[in-house]
Amino acid sequence: MGDVADKIAYFQAITGVEDADLCTEILAAHGWDLELAISTFTSQNDHSTPHYASEPTTSNTLPTITNLPPPETGLVAGGPPALAWKIITLPFSIISGSLGLISGAVGFGVWAAGGVLSYSLRMIGLNSGRNGESSSPLVSVSASAAEAMSFVDSFDRDFGSTRPNFVAEGFMDALQRSRHEFKLLFVYLHSPEHPDTPMFCERTLCNEALVAFINENFVAWGGSIRASEGFKMSNSLKASRFPFCAVVMAATNQRIALLQQVEGPKSPEELLTALQRVLEESAPVLVSARLEAEERRNNIRLREEQDAAYRAALEADQARERQKKEEQERQEREAAEAERKRKEEDEARERAAREAAEREAALAKMREEKLQSLGPEPEKGPDVTQVLVRFPNGERKERRFQCTKTLQSLYDYVDSLGCLEVEKYSLVSNFPRTVYGSEKLALSLKEAGLHPQASLFVELNS
């Protein structure tokens, strides 16, 4: 654990020390090595009176809830020592912790060197597993898991593979596994030197019926008392006789409930009976826990489904709102575009009307000016020319002009009538056909041969 507050809480839960400042000082003196601090502390307090409520030496003891601290950090069943004793022993704890740190550092160096050498040998093929198979690749595992794997390998070598399915992980991990699977945890502490151990393992622990029952109904964890965690468990459970078996389960507040322990050599039938009894007595608790977990899962699933439905409905509402907004924006754009076009058309019409009015006014002014330039129509006489003008629509116009007037006067006369929609035209005579174009406008009527009378028609220029 890397968090200081969690280490202090674990140390208090395991040792029973309520003074947080004292716990802080002890942990600091041991370099915040929780396992070393607890091991040093508990080794000085073995005189404390155990507070188990069950008798540890009989298989007929009824299950009793006993608060056991987590074994990963050094289990102890003793009560808290007096404050004065803690203060007195604190200097010795510091010295012991320092020595422990030095020893641990040396041991870690040896372990690391051995690991590197083993890995190197495996890489060149000189270190292989049993039956000639290659060992598993170098994997970073905790010390407790390494001990559990070593125990399983050793047990298989000595007694075969017909055994409880001991999990290859630390005790607390196995405890959590049993909690998640709603099973009890079967604990076996192995004492290799005990004379009853071989017979118990071969005839009882490896019995097929017992193995099947344990594998079906329990999570099994085993450890050798030669190893660190197995030794701590034997101290915590106050194992006085071997072989030793126990049944525990996870309780609240990081504590463990001890339900049953069986010590000494037992037949398969005796151990099976004890396990069946504790399983039957614990069944309501396990069923209740399973139902509660199932209810929690159902509630979580229901909440997730409700949340998903809510999110889907919300997304649908948002999609409809977006669609509605987009449609509204589209309509507004179309309305704005239509309004723009209408305004442009109105402006164009107004501009066209204004231009037409201006053109009409200009033409009217021009006609008026040209009419004024013609002067009054003269009376008939020898110097007066009678001119007839025919228009393309068949209309005829007549007027008298002084024979000294130029052909421009004829064009001014035609323009002043306002009978033509075009500006470019020519005055033409038929017999002979003569076009009186712009090059002849300065000629007088008499010079142009149009005196005393002339008949002309308007020819539109393309």
Protein backbone atom coordinates (compact mmCIF):
# COMPACT_ATOMS: atom_id res chain seq x y z
CA MET A 1 0.00 0.00 0.00
CA GLY A 2 1.34 3.36 -0.91
CA ASP A 3 -1.05 5.62 0.95
CA VAL A 4 0.13 6.68 4.42
CA ALA A 5 -3.38 6.98 5.87
CA ASP A 6 -4.27 3.46 4.69
CA LYS A 7 -1.08 2.05 6.23
CA ILE A 8 -1.87 3.71 9.57
CA ALA A 9 -5.46 2.39 9.44
CA TYR A 10 -4.25 -1.14 8.67
CA PHE A 11 -1.67 -0.99 11.43
CA GLN A 12 -4.35 0.13 13.92
CA ALA A 13 -6.78 -2.58 12.77
CA ILE A 14 -4.15 -5.30 13.07
CA THR A 15 -2.41 -4.30 16.30
CA GLY A 16 -5.33 -2.70 18.11
CA VAL A 17 -3.29 0.45 18.78
CA GLU A 18 -5.69 3.41 18.91
CA ASP A 19 -3.07 6.16 19.18
CA ALA A 20 -2.53 7.33 15.60
CA ASP A 21 0.57 9.32 16.48
CA LEU A 22 2.23 6.27 18.03
CA CYS A 23 1.35 4.19 14.95
CA THR A 24 2.89 6.88 12.76
CA GLU A 25 6.11 6.86 14.77
CA ILE A 26 6.39 3.06 14.65
CA LEU A 27 5.77 2.92 10.89
CA ALA A 28 8.21 5.75 10.27
CA ALA A 29 10.86 3.95 12.35
CA HIS A 30 10.44 0.92 10.06
CA GLY A 31 10.65 2.95 6.88
CA TRP A 32 6.88 2.65 6.38
CA ASP A 33 7.31 -1.08 5.75
CA LEU A 34 3.91 -2.21 7.05
CA GLU A 35 4.72 -5.91 7.18
CA LEU A 36 8.03 -5.38 8.98
CA ALA A 37 6.49 -2.98 11.49
CA ILE A 38 3.65 -5.37 12.34
CA SER A 39 5.99 -8.37 12.54
CA THR A 40 8.29 -6.48 14.94
CA PHE A 41 5.39 -5.18 17.01
CA THR A 42 3.60 -8.52 17.33
CA SER A 43 6.81 -10.40 18.18
CA GLN A 44 7.07 -8.25 21.33
CA ASN A 45 3.49 -8.85 22.41
CA ASP A 46 3.09 -12.64 22.33
CA HIS A 47 2.17 -12.45 26.06
CA SER A 48 -1.20 -10.89 25.13
CA THR A 49 -4.26 -13.02 25.75
CA PRO A 50 -6.01 -14.35 22.59
CA HIS A 51 -9.62 -13.31 22.15
CA TYR A 52 -10.96 -16.13 19.99
CA ALA A 53 -14.42 -17.20 20.99
CA SER A 54 -14.02 -20.72 19.65
CA GLU A 55 -11.96 -23.67 20.85
CA PRO A 56 -9.21 -24.18 18.28
CA THR A 57 -8.42 -27.83 18.93
CA THR A 58 -11.69 -29.56 18.18
CA SER A 59 -13.56 -30.14 14.98
CA ASN A 60 -16.92 -30.03 16.76
CA THR A 61 -16.75 -26.33 17.69
CA LEU A 62 -19.71 -24.28 16.51
CA PRO A 63 -18.88 -21.50 14.06
CA THR A 64 -18.07 -18.31 15.87
CA ILE A 65 -17.37 -14.94 14.32
CA THR A 66 -13.88 -13.90 15.26
CA ASN A 67 -12.36 -10.63 14.12
CA LEU A 68 -9.07 -11.42 12.41
CA PRO A 69 -6.95 -8.69 10.81
CA PRO A 70 -5.89 -9.09 7.16
CA PRO A 71 -3.00 -11.59 6.94
CA GLU A 72 -1.30 -9.80 4.05
CA THR A 73 -0.06 -7.27 6.58
CA GLY A 74 0.71 -9.70 9.40
CA LEU A 75 -2.20 -11.31 11.25
CA VAL A 76 -2.31 -11.31 15.04
CA ALA A 77 -4.99 -12.42 17.45
CA GLY A 78 -3.55 -10.73 20.55
CA GLY A 79 -5.18 -7.74 22.30
CA PRO A 80 -3.70 -4.23 22.29
CA PRO A 81 -0.84 -3.61 24.75
CA ALA A 82 -0.86 -0.80 27.24
CA LEU A 83 0.32 2.60 26.07
CA ALA A 84 3.21 2.66 28.56
CA TRP A 85 4.51 -0.67 27.28
CA LYS A 86 4.40 0.62 23.70
CA ILE A 87 6.40 3.69 24.64
CA ILE A 88 8.96 1.62 26.57
CA THR A 89 9.45 -0.85 23.72
CA LEU A 90 9.51 1.76 20.98
CA PRO A 91 13.38 2.16 20.95
CA PHE A 92 13.76 -1.63 20.69
CA SER A 93 11.23 -1.65 17.87
CA ILE A 94 13.23 0.99 16.03
CA ILE A 95 16.48 -0.98 16.40
CA SER A 96 14.75 -4.21 15.40
CA GLY A 97 13.15 -2.49 12.45
CA SER A 98 16.50 -1.13 11.27
CA LEU A 99 18.05 -4.60 11.42
CA GLY A 100 15.02 -5.98 9.63
CA LEU A 101 15.42 -3.40 6.87
CA ILE A 102 19.08 -4.37 6.40
CA SER A 103 18.20 -8.06 6.33
CA GLY A 104 15.33 -7.43 3.93
CA ALA A 105 17.58 -5.43 1.61
CA VAL A 106 20.17 -8.24 1.52
CA GLY A 107 17.47 -10.84 0.95
CA PHE A 108 15.90 -8.80 -1.82
CA GLY A 109 19.29 -8.45 -3.51
CA VAL A 110 19.82 -12.21 -3.43
CA TRP A 111 16.29 -12.80 -4.71
CA ALA A 112 16.75 -10.28 -7.54
CA ALA A 113 20.11 -11.79 -8.53
CA GLY A 114 18.57 -15.27 -8.52
CA GLY A 115 15.66 -14.06 -10.65
CA VAL A 116 17.96 -12.46 -13.22
CA LEU A 117 20.15 -15.59 -13.38
CA SER A 118 17.11 -17.84 -13.72
CA TYR A 119 15.68 -15.68 -16.48
CA SER A 120 19.04 -15.63 -18.31
CA LEU A 121 19.29 -19.42 -18.14
CA ARG A 122 15.76 -19.76 -19.48
CA MET A 123 16.57 -17.41 -22.35
CA ILE A 124 19.49 -19.63 -23.47
CA GLY A 125 17.52 -22.86 -22.82
CA LEU A 126 19.55 -24.16 -19.85
CA ASN A 127 16.78 -23.89 -17.27
CA SER A 128 13.62 -25.81 -18.09
CA GLY A 129 10.61 -26.87 -16.10
CA ARG A 130 9.49 -30.32 -15.16
CA ASN A 131 9.13 -32.94 -17.87
CA GLY A 132 11.48 -30.97 -20.07
CA GLU A 133 9.01 -28.12 -20.62
CA SER A 134 10.15 -24.54 -20.54
CA SER A 135 9.36 -22.57 -17.46
CA SER A 136 6.81 -19.80 -17.63
CA PRO A 137 8.19 -16.39 -18.63
CA LEU A 138 9.44 -13.97 -16.04
CA VAL A 139 6.33 -12.32 -14.57
CA SER A 140 6.17 -9.69 -11.86
CA VAL A 141 4.12 -11.15 -8.98
CA SER A 142 3.73 -10.28 -5.32
CA ALA A 143 5.69 -12.16 -2.67
CA SER A 144 2.50 -13.76 -1.32
CA ALA A 145 1.50 -14.98 -4.79
CA ALA A 146 5.00 -16.36 -5.37
CA GLU A 147 4.75 -18.28 -2.06
CA ALA A 148 1.33 -19.66 -3.04
CA MET A 149 2.62 -20.84 -6.43
CA SER A 150 5.64 -22.43 -4.79
CA PHE A 151 3.38 -24.26 -2.33
CA VAL A 152 1.15 -25.61 -5.12
CA ASP A 153 4.18 -26.83 -7.12
CA SER A 154 5.69 -28.48 -4.05
CA PHE A 155 2.39 -30.16 -3.12
CA ASP A 156 1.97 -31.52 -6.65
CA ARG A 157 5.48 -32.98 -6.60
CA ASP A 158 4.98 -34.66 -3.25
CA PHE A 159 1.34 -35.80 -3.41
CA GLY A 160 0.13 -35.61 -7.00
CA SER A 161 -2.44 -33.42 -8.73
CA THR A 162 -5.53 -34.95 -7.10
CA ARG A 163 -5.97 -32.23 -4.50
CA PRO A 164 -8.09 -29.20 -3.70
CA ASN A 165 -7.67 -26.49 -6.30
CA PHE A 166 -5.41 -24.27 -4.20
CA VAL A 167 -5.39 -20.81 -5.75
CA ALA A 168 -1.92 -19.56 -6.67
CA GLU A 169 -2.37 -16.13 -5.06
CA GLY A 170 -2.02 -14.44 -1.69
CA PHE A 171 -4.41 -15.07 1.18
CA MET A 172 -6.22 -11.73 0.90
CA ASP A 173 -6.66 -12.22 -2.85
CA ALA A 174 -8.07 -15.68 -2.21
CA LEU A 175 -10.37 -14.23 0.44
CA GLN A 176 -11.63 -11.62 -2.00
CA ARG A 177 -12.10 -14.33 -4.64
CA SER A 178 -14.27 -16.35 -2.23
CA ARG A 179 -16.26 -13.23 -1.43
CA HIS A 180 -16.92 -12.51 -5.09
CA GLU A 181 -17.89 -16.14 -5.76
CA PHE A 182 -20.08 -16.25 -2.59
CA LYS A 183 -18.16 -19.19 -1.19
CA LEU A 184 -16.29 -19.90 2.02
CA LEU A 185 -12.50 -20.01 2.05
CA PHE A 186 -10.93 -23.37 2.94
CA VAL A 187 -7.49 -22.81 4.49
CA TYR A 188 -4.83 -25.51 4.80
CA LEU A 189 -1.57 -24.79 6.66
CA HIS A 190 1.13 -27.26 5.68
CA SER A 191 3.82 -28.33 8.13
CA PRO A 192 6.41 -30.35 6.15
CA GLU A 193 8.27 -31.60 9.28
CA HIS A 194 5.19 -32.86 11.13
CA PRO A 195 4.99 -36.68 11.14
CA ASP A 196 1.22 -36.71 10.49
CA THR A 197 1.45 -34.43 7.44
CA PRO A 198 2.30 -37.04 4.71
CA MET A 199 -0.43 -39.46 5.80
CA PHE A 200 -3.03 -36.65 6.12
CA CYS A 201 -2.23 -35.27 2.68
CA GLU A 202 -2.21 -38.65 0.95
CA ARG A 203 -5.30 -40.22 2.58
CA THR A 204 -7.44 -37.25 3.58
CA LEU A 205 -6.60 -34.07 1.71
CA CYS A 206 -6.17 -35.95 -1.60
CA ASN A 207 -9.27 -38.09 -1.12
CA GLU A 208 -11.31 -37.85 -4.32
CA ALA A 209 -14.68 -37.37 -2.59
CA LEU A 210 -13.30 -34.72 -0.25
CA VAL A 211 -11.45 -32.99 -3.10
CA ALA A 212 -14.62 -32.88 -5.21
CA PHE A 213 -16.62 -31.46 -2.27
CA ILE A 214 -14.05 -28.77 -1.51
CA ASN A 215 -13.64 -27.78 -5.16
CA GLU A 216 -17.39 -27.60 -5.60
CA ASN A 217 -18.26 -25.58 -2.50
CA PHE A 218 -15.13 -23.70 -1.39
CA VAL A 219 -12.28 -21.56 -2.62
CA ALA A 220 -9.15 -23.35 -1.38
CA TRP A 221 -5.95 -21.67 -0.23
CA GLY A 222 -2.88 -23.42 1.14
CA GLY A 223 0.40 -22.25 2.55
CA SER A 224 3.48 -23.71 4.10
CA ILE A 225 4.39 -22.54 7.61
CA ARG A 226 7.97 -22.35 6.35
CA ALA A 227 6.88 -19.42 4.15
CA SER A 228 6.17 -15.93 5.47
CA GLU A 229 2.43 -15.79 4.87
CA GLY A 230 1.82 -19.37 6.00
CA PHE A 231 3.76 -18.68 9.20
CA LYS A 232 1.75 -15.52 9.85
CA MET A 233 -1.49 -17.41 9.30
CA SER A 234 -0.45 -20.12 11.76
CA ASN A 235 0.24 -17.44 14.39
CA SER A 236 -2.97 -15.59 13.65
CA LEU A 237 -5.13 -18.70 13.79
CA LYS A 238 -3.20 -19.99 16.84
CA ALA A 239 -2.50 -23.31 15.18
CA SER A 240 -1.30 -25.60 18.00
CA ARG A 241 -1.52 -28.94 16.17
CA PHE A 242 -0.86 -30.04 12.64
CA PRO A 243 -2.21 -30.85 10.11
CA PHE A 244 -4.35 -27.68 10.39
CA CYS A 245 -7.44 -26.74 8.40
CA ALA A 246 -9.82 -23.82 8.82
CA VAL A 247 -12.84 -22.24 7.16
CA VAL A 248 -13.07 -18.44 7.06
CA MET A 249 -15.05 -15.81 5.26
CA ALA A 250 -14.68 -12.10 4.65
CA ALA A 251 -16.46 -9.90 7.17
CA THR A 252 -16.96 -6.16 7.39
CA ASN A 253 -14.44 -3.44 8.24
CA GLN A 254 -11.47 -5.34 6.75
CA ARG A 255 -11.90 -8.22 9.20
CA ILE A 256 -12.23 -11.96 8.78
CA ALA A 257 -14.82 -14.31 10.24
CA LEU A 258 -13.37 -17.61 11.52
CA LEU A 259 -16.11 -20.21 11.09
CA GLN A 260 -14.35 -23.52 11.79
CA GLN A 261 -10.90 -24.97 12.39
CA VAL A 262 -9.84 -28.59 12.43
CA GLU A 263 -6.49 -29.56 13.99
CA GLY A 264 -4.65 -32.84 14.02
CA PRO A 265 -4.92 -35.84 11.72
CA LYS A 266 -8.49 -36.49 10.62
CA SER A 267 -10.03 -39.05 8.33
CA PRO A 268 -11.67 -37.92 5.09
CA GLU A 269 -15.07 -38.64 6.60
CA GLU A 270 -14.42 -36.53 9.72
CA LEU A 271 -13.16 -33.55 7.71
CA LEU A 272 -15.98 -33.90 5.20
CA THR A 273 -18.55 -33.94 8.02
CA ALA A 274 -17.08 -30.81 9.56
CA LEU A 275 -17.04 -29.02 6.22
CA GLN A 276 -20.61 -30.07 5.44
CA ARG A 277 -21.78 -28.79 8.82
CA VAL A 278 -20.11 -25.40 8.49
CA LEU A 279 -21.38 -25.12 4.91
CA GLU A 280 -24.95 -25.84 6.02
CA GLU A 281 -24.75 -23.39 8.92
CA SER A 282 -23.26 -20.69 6.69
CA ALA A 283 -25.61 -21.27 3.78
CA PRO A 284 -28.16 -18.61 4.88
CA VAL A 285 -25.38 -16.00 5.07
CA LEU A 286 -24.02 -16.94 1.65
CA VAL A 287 -27.48 -17.07 0.10
CA SER A 288 -28.32 -13.69 1.62
CA ALA A 289 -25.06 -12.22 0.33
CA ARG A 290 -25.71 -13.71 -3.10
CA LEU A 291 -29.25 -12.34 -3.16
CA GLU A 292 -28.05 -8.92 -2.01
CA ALA A 293 -25.38 -8.92 -4.69
CA GLU A 294 -27.89 -10.04 -7.28
CA GLU A 295 -30.25 -7.30 -6.14
CA ARG A 296 -27.43 -4.76 -6.38
CA ARG A 297 -26.57 -6.00 -9.86
CA ASN A 298 -30.23 -5.84 -10.86
CA ASN A 299 -30.52 -2.34 -9.43
CA ILE A 300 -27.35 -1.29 -11.22
CA ARG A 301 -28.58 -2.88 -14.44
CA LEU A 302 -31.99 -1.23 -13.98
CA ARG A 303 -30.34 2.13 -13.36
CA GLU A 304 -28.12 1.62 -16.39
CA GLU A 305 -31.14 0.70 -18.51
CA GLN A 306 -33.04 3.69 -17.16
CA ASP A 307 -30.04 5.91 -17.79
CA ALA A 308 -29.69 4.47 -21.28
CA ALA A 309 -33.41 4.99 -21.94
CA TYR A 310 -33.17 8.52 -20.57
CA ARG A 311 -30.11 9.23 -22.71
CA ALA A 312 -31.86 7.78 -25.76
CA ALA A 313 -34.97 9.85 -25.08
CA LEU A 314 -32.83 12.91 -24.45
CA GLU A 315 -30.89 12.34 -27.65
CA ALA A 316 -34.16 11.83 -29.53
CA ASP A 317 -35.55 15.06 -28.07
CA GLN A 318 -32.34 16.85 -28.91
CA ALA A 319 -32.44 15.41 -32.44
CA ARG A 320 -36.04 16.58 -32.84
CA GLU A 321 -35.11 19.99 -31.47
CA ARG A 322 -32.17 20.17 -33.87
CA GLN A 323 -34.38 19.08 -36.76
CA LYS A 324 -37.07 21.58 -35.74
CA LYS A 325 -34.48 24.32 -35.41
CA GLU A 326 -32.90 23.41 -38.75
CA GLU A 327 -36.34 23.40 -40.40
CA GLN A 328 -37.14 26.77 -38.83
CA GLU A 329 -33.80 28.16 -39.94
CA ARG A 330 -34.38 26.76 -43.45
CA GLN A 331 -37.82 28.38 -43.60
CA GLU A 332 -36.38 31.64 -42.33
CA ARG A 333 -33.62 31.46 -44.95
CA GLU A 334 -36.16 30.73 -47.68
CA ALA A 335 -38.43 33.54 -46.46
CA ALA A 336 -35.45 35.91 -46.32
CA GLU A 337 -34.38 34.82 -49.81
CA ALA A 338 -37.93 35.26 -51.14
CA GLU A 339 -38.15 38.68 -49.49
CA ARG A 340 -34.79 39.63 -50.98
CA LYS A 341 -35.88 38.53 -54.43
CA ARG A 342 -39.21 40.35 -54.07
CA LYS A 343 -37.38 43.52 -53.07
CA GLU A 344 -34.97 43.12 -55.97
CA GLU A 345 -37.87 42.60 -58.36
CA ASP A 346 -39.72 45.60 -56.93
CA GLU A 347 -36.59 47.69 -57.17
CA ALA A 348 -36.02 46.47 -60.73
CA ARG A 349 -39.58 47.31 -61.68
CA GLU A 350 -39.32 50.67 -60.02
CA ARG A 351 -36.00 51.30 -61.73
CA ALA A 352 -37.40 50.19 -65.09
CA ALA A 353 -40.47 52.35 -64.62
CA ARG A 354 -38.31 55.27 -63.60
CA GLU A 355 -36.01 54.78 -66.54
CA ALA A 356 -39.00 54.41 -68.88
CA ALA A 357 -40.53 57.56 -67.44
CA GLU A 358 -37.21 59.32 -67.82
CA ARG A 359 -36.92 58.11 -71.39
CA GLU A 360 -40.48 59.11 -72.12
CA ALA A 361 -39.90 62.50 -70.56
CA ALA A 362 -36.71 62.86 -72.57
CA LEU A 363 -38.52 61.88 -75.78
CA ALA A 364 -41.37 64.20 -75.01
CA LYS A 365 -38.93 67.00 -74.38
CA MET A 366 -37.07 66.15 -77.54
CA ARG A 367 -40.25 66.08 -79.57
CA GLU A 368 -41.29 69.37 -78.06
CA GLU A 369 -37.92 70.91 -78.81
CA LYS A 370 -37.94 69.62 -82.38
CA LEU A 371 -41.50 70.77 -82.87
CA GLN A 372 -40.50 74.20 -81.63
CA SER A 373 -37.51 74.19 -83.96
CA LEU A 374 -39.82 73.62 -86.97
CA GLY A 375 -41.73 76.79 -86.37
CA PRO A 376 -45.26 77.38 -87.67
CA GLU A 377 -46.42 75.55 -90.81
CA PRO A 378 -46.21 77.96 -93.77
CA GLU A 379 -49.10 78.70 -96.12
CA LYS A 380 -49.14 77.37 -99.72
CA GLY A 381 -46.99 79.28 -102.12
CA PRO A 382 -44.31 78.93 -104.82
CA ASP A 383 -41.54 78.56 -102.23
CA VAL A 384 -43.43 76.02 -100.12
CA THR A 385 -42.92 72.28 -100.46
CA GLN A 386 -45.74 69.80 -99.71
CA VAL A 387 -44.30 66.67 -98.00
CA LEU A 388 -46.21 63.37 -97.42
CA VAL A 389 -44.66 60.86 -94.96
CA ARG A 390 -45.91 57.26 -94.72
CA PHE A 391 -45.06 55.18 -91.63
CA PRO A 392 -44.53 51.40 -91.45
CA ASN A 393 -47.92 50.90 -89.81
CA GLY A 394 -49.64 52.59 -92.74
CA GLU A 395 -50.23 55.89 -91.06
CA ARG A 396 -49.74 59.04 -93.20
CA LYS A 397 -48.69 62.50 -92.14
CA GLU A 398 -48.50 65.69 -94.27
CA ARG A 399 -46.90 69.08 -93.74
CA ARG A 400 -45.69 72.09 -95.65
CA PHE A 401 -42.11 73.28 -95.41
CA GLN A 402 -40.21 76.19 -96.93
CA CYS A 403 -38.17 74.83 -99.80
CA THR A 404 -35.09 76.25 -98.13
CA LYS A 405 -35.51 73.97 -95.12
CA THR A 406 -33.00 71.13 -94.86
CA LEU A 407 -33.72 67.45 -94.85
CA GLN A 408 -32.93 67.57 -91.08
CA SER A 409 -36.20 69.47 -90.73
CA LEU A 410 -38.04 66.45 -92.19
CA TYR A 411 -36.37 64.14 -89.63
CA ASP A 412 -37.22 66.60 -86.82
CA TYR A 413 -40.82 66.59 -88.04
CA VAL A 414 -41.00 62.77 -87.99
CA ASP A 415 -39.43 62.67 -84.52
CA SER A 416 -41.85 65.27 -83.15
CA LEU A 417 -44.84 63.11 -84.15
CA GLY A 418 -43.84 60.30 -81.76
CA CYS A 419 -45.14 57.63 -84.11
CA LEU A 420 -41.96 55.52 -84.05
CA GLU A 421 -40.63 53.31 -81.26
CA VAL A 422 -37.15 53.26 -82.76
CA GLU A 423 -34.54 55.92 -83.12
CA LYS A 424 -32.78 54.67 -86.26
CA TYR A 425 -34.67 55.04 -89.51
CA SER A 426 -34.30 56.59 -92.98
CA LEU A 427 -36.58 58.59 -95.22
CA VAL A 428 -36.79 57.01 -98.64
CA SER A 429 -38.51 57.94 -101.95
CA ASN A 430 -39.77 55.25 -104.33
CA PHE A 431 -39.48 56.56 -107.89
CA PRO A 432 -36.66 56.68 -108.26
CA ARG A 433 -35.65 55.06 -105.05
CA THR A 434 -33.56 57.47 -103.12
CA VAL A 435 -32.43 57.17 -99.53
CA TYR A 436 -32.02 60.43 -97.78
CA GLY A 437 -29.57 59.39 -95.16
CA SER A 438 -27.35 61.21 -92.73
CA GLU A 439 -24.99 62.38 -95.53
CA LYS A 440 -27.79 64.49 -97.09
CA LEU A 441 -29.27 66.08 -93.99
CA ALA A 442 -27.68 69.45 -94.77
CA LEU A 443 -29.29 69.69 -98.22
CA SER A 444 -32.32 71.89 -98.66
CA LEU A 445 -35.53 70.39 -99.91
CA LYS A 446 -35.10 72.14 -103.19
CA GLU A 447 -31.50 70.96 -103.57
CA ALA A 448 -32.56 67.42 -102.75
CA GLY A 449 -35.15 67.51 -105.58
CA LEU A 450 -38.12 67.36 -103.23
CA HIS A 451 -39.71 70.69 -104.32
CA PRO A 452 -42.52 71.48 -104.88
CA GLN A 453 -43.83 68.24 -103.41
CA ALA A 454 -42.44 64.93 -102.14
CA SER A 455 -43.76 61.56 -101.05
CA LEU A 456 -41.49 59.74 -98.61
CA PHE A 457 -41.84 56.63 -96.44
CA VAL A 458 -40.06 55.66 -93.27
CA GLU A 459 -37.72 52.69 -93.57
CA LEU A 460 -36.53 51.22 -90.28
CA ASN A 461 -32.84 50.48 -90.05
CA SER A 462 -31.84 47.02 -88.79
